[in-house]
Amino acid sequence: MANTPQSKKRARQAARRLTVNKARRSRIRTFIRRVEEAIATGDKEAAETALRTAQPELMRGVTKGVIHKNTASRKMSRLAHRVSKVGAEG
């Protein structure tokens, strides 16, 4: 347990950041899930639209320090590749 006033404050701040970061991470996952659902339905337009809305959300996660830059880039690249293949599969 925190003993000094500074360590008590840091514990409070950590708890507050945890809730904020958890919400941000959840929001990012939701946007990614929307892209994946659009890919699963085979609707290329919907998938491209979902991808365009997911990209700024992923990059916002990077600037806020929730996810690493390379992780966001990797996810965007893989999603974009899957979206590009949606029309070609049929």
Protein backbone atom coordinates (compact mmCIF):
# COMPACT_ATOMS: atom_id res chain seq x y z
CA MET A 1 0.00 0.00 0.00
CA ALA A 2 1.15 3.56 -0.76
CA ASN A 3 2.57 5.35 2.28
CA THR A 4 3.91 8.72 1.21
CA PRO A 5 1.60 11.47 -0.08
CA GLN A 6 3.31 11.34 -3.47
CA SER A 7 2.87 7.58 -3.83
CA LYS A 8 -0.80 7.92 -2.84
CA LYS A 9 -1.29 10.56 -5.52
CA ARG A 10 0.50 8.41 -8.11
CA ALA A 11 -1.79 5.50 -7.23
CA ARG A 12 -4.84 7.73 -7.78
CA GLN A 13 -3.45 8.98 -11.09
CA ALA A 14 -2.66 5.44 -12.24
CA ALA A 15 -6.21 4.32 -11.49
CA ARG A 16 -7.63 7.27 -13.42
CA ARG A 17 -5.33 6.65 -16.41
CA LEU A 18 -6.27 2.96 -16.38
CA THR A 19 -9.95 3.75 -16.90
CA VAL A 20 -9.24 6.28 -19.65
CA ASN A 21 -6.82 3.98 -21.48
CA LYS A 22 -9.16 1.01 -21.12
CA ALA A 23 -11.94 3.02 -22.77
CA ARG A 24 -9.62 4.11 -25.59
CA ARG A 25 -8.42 0.57 -26.21
CA SER A 26 -12.00 -0.69 -26.23
CA ARG A 27 -12.99 2.02 -28.72
CA ILE A 28 -10.10 1.05 -31.03
CA ARG A 29 -11.12 -2.61 -30.86
CA THR A 30 -14.70 -1.67 -31.74
CA PHE A 31 -13.57 0.17 -34.88
CA ILE A 32 -11.38 -2.77 -35.90
CA ARG A 33 -14.28 -5.17 -35.30
CA ARG A 34 -16.51 -3.09 -37.59
CA VAL A 35 -13.96 -3.42 -40.39
CA GLU A 36 -13.70 -7.18 -39.84
CA GLU A 37 -17.49 -7.56 -39.85
CA ALA A 38 -17.73 -5.62 -43.12
CA ILE A 39 -15.06 -7.87 -44.61
CA ALA A 40 -16.96 -10.94 -43.43
CA THR A 41 -20.17 -9.79 -45.14
CA GLY A 42 -18.26 -9.24 -48.39
CA ASP A 43 -19.39 -5.63 -48.79
CA LYS A 44 -16.32 -3.85 -50.18
CA GLU A 45 -17.76 -0.31 -49.88
CA ALA A 46 -18.73 -0.82 -46.26
CA ALA A 47 -15.33 -2.33 -45.51
CA GLU A 48 -13.50 0.60 -47.10
CA THR A 49 -15.64 3.10 -45.21
CA ALA A 50 -15.07 1.26 -41.93
CA LEU A 51 -11.34 1.16 -42.64
CA ARG A 52 -11.25 4.92 -43.29
CA THR A 53 -12.98 5.57 -39.95
CA ALA A 54 -10.75 3.10 -38.09
CA GLN A 55 -7.47 4.61 -39.27
CA PRO A 56 -7.66 7.92 -37.35
CA GLU A 57 -8.86 6.05 -34.28
CA LEU A 58 -5.81 3.77 -34.37
CA MET A 59 -3.46 6.71 -34.88
CA ARG A 60 -5.13 8.57 -32.02
CA GLY A 61 -4.35 5.57 -29.83
CA VAL A 62 -0.72 5.94 -30.84
CA THR A 63 -0.55 9.64 -29.97
CA LYS A 64 -2.24 9.00 -26.62
CA GLY A 65 0.22 6.22 -25.82
CA VAL A 66 -2.34 3.43 -25.66
CA ILE A 67 -0.78 1.33 -28.42
CA HIS A 68 2.63 1.31 -30.08
CA LYS A 69 3.13 2.99 -33.44
CA ASN A 70 4.30 -0.20 -35.15
CA THR A 71 1.34 -2.15 -33.75
CA ALA A 72 -1.11 0.36 -35.21
CA SER A 73 0.71 0.35 -38.55
CA ARG A 74 0.70 -3.44 -38.65
CA LYS A 75 -3.02 -3.62 -37.89
CA MET A 76 -3.83 -0.99 -40.53
CA SER A 77 -1.70 -2.75 -43.13
CA ARG A 78 -3.28 -6.14 -42.52
CA LEU A 79 -6.80 -4.72 -42.51
CA ALA A 80 -6.16 -2.76 -45.71
CA HIS A 81 -4.80 -5.89 -47.39
CA ARG A 82 -7.88 -7.88 -46.37
CA VAL A 83 -10.21 -5.10 -47.56
CA SER A 84 -8.46 -4.97 -50.94
CA LYS A 85 -9.05 -8.70 -51.38
CA VAL A 86 -12.81 -8.51 -50.65
CA GLY A 87 -13.91 -7.84 -54.24
CA ALA A 88 -11.33 -10.14 -55.85
CA GLU A 89 -12.42 -13.27 -53.96
CA GLY A 90 -15.81 -13.63 -55.67
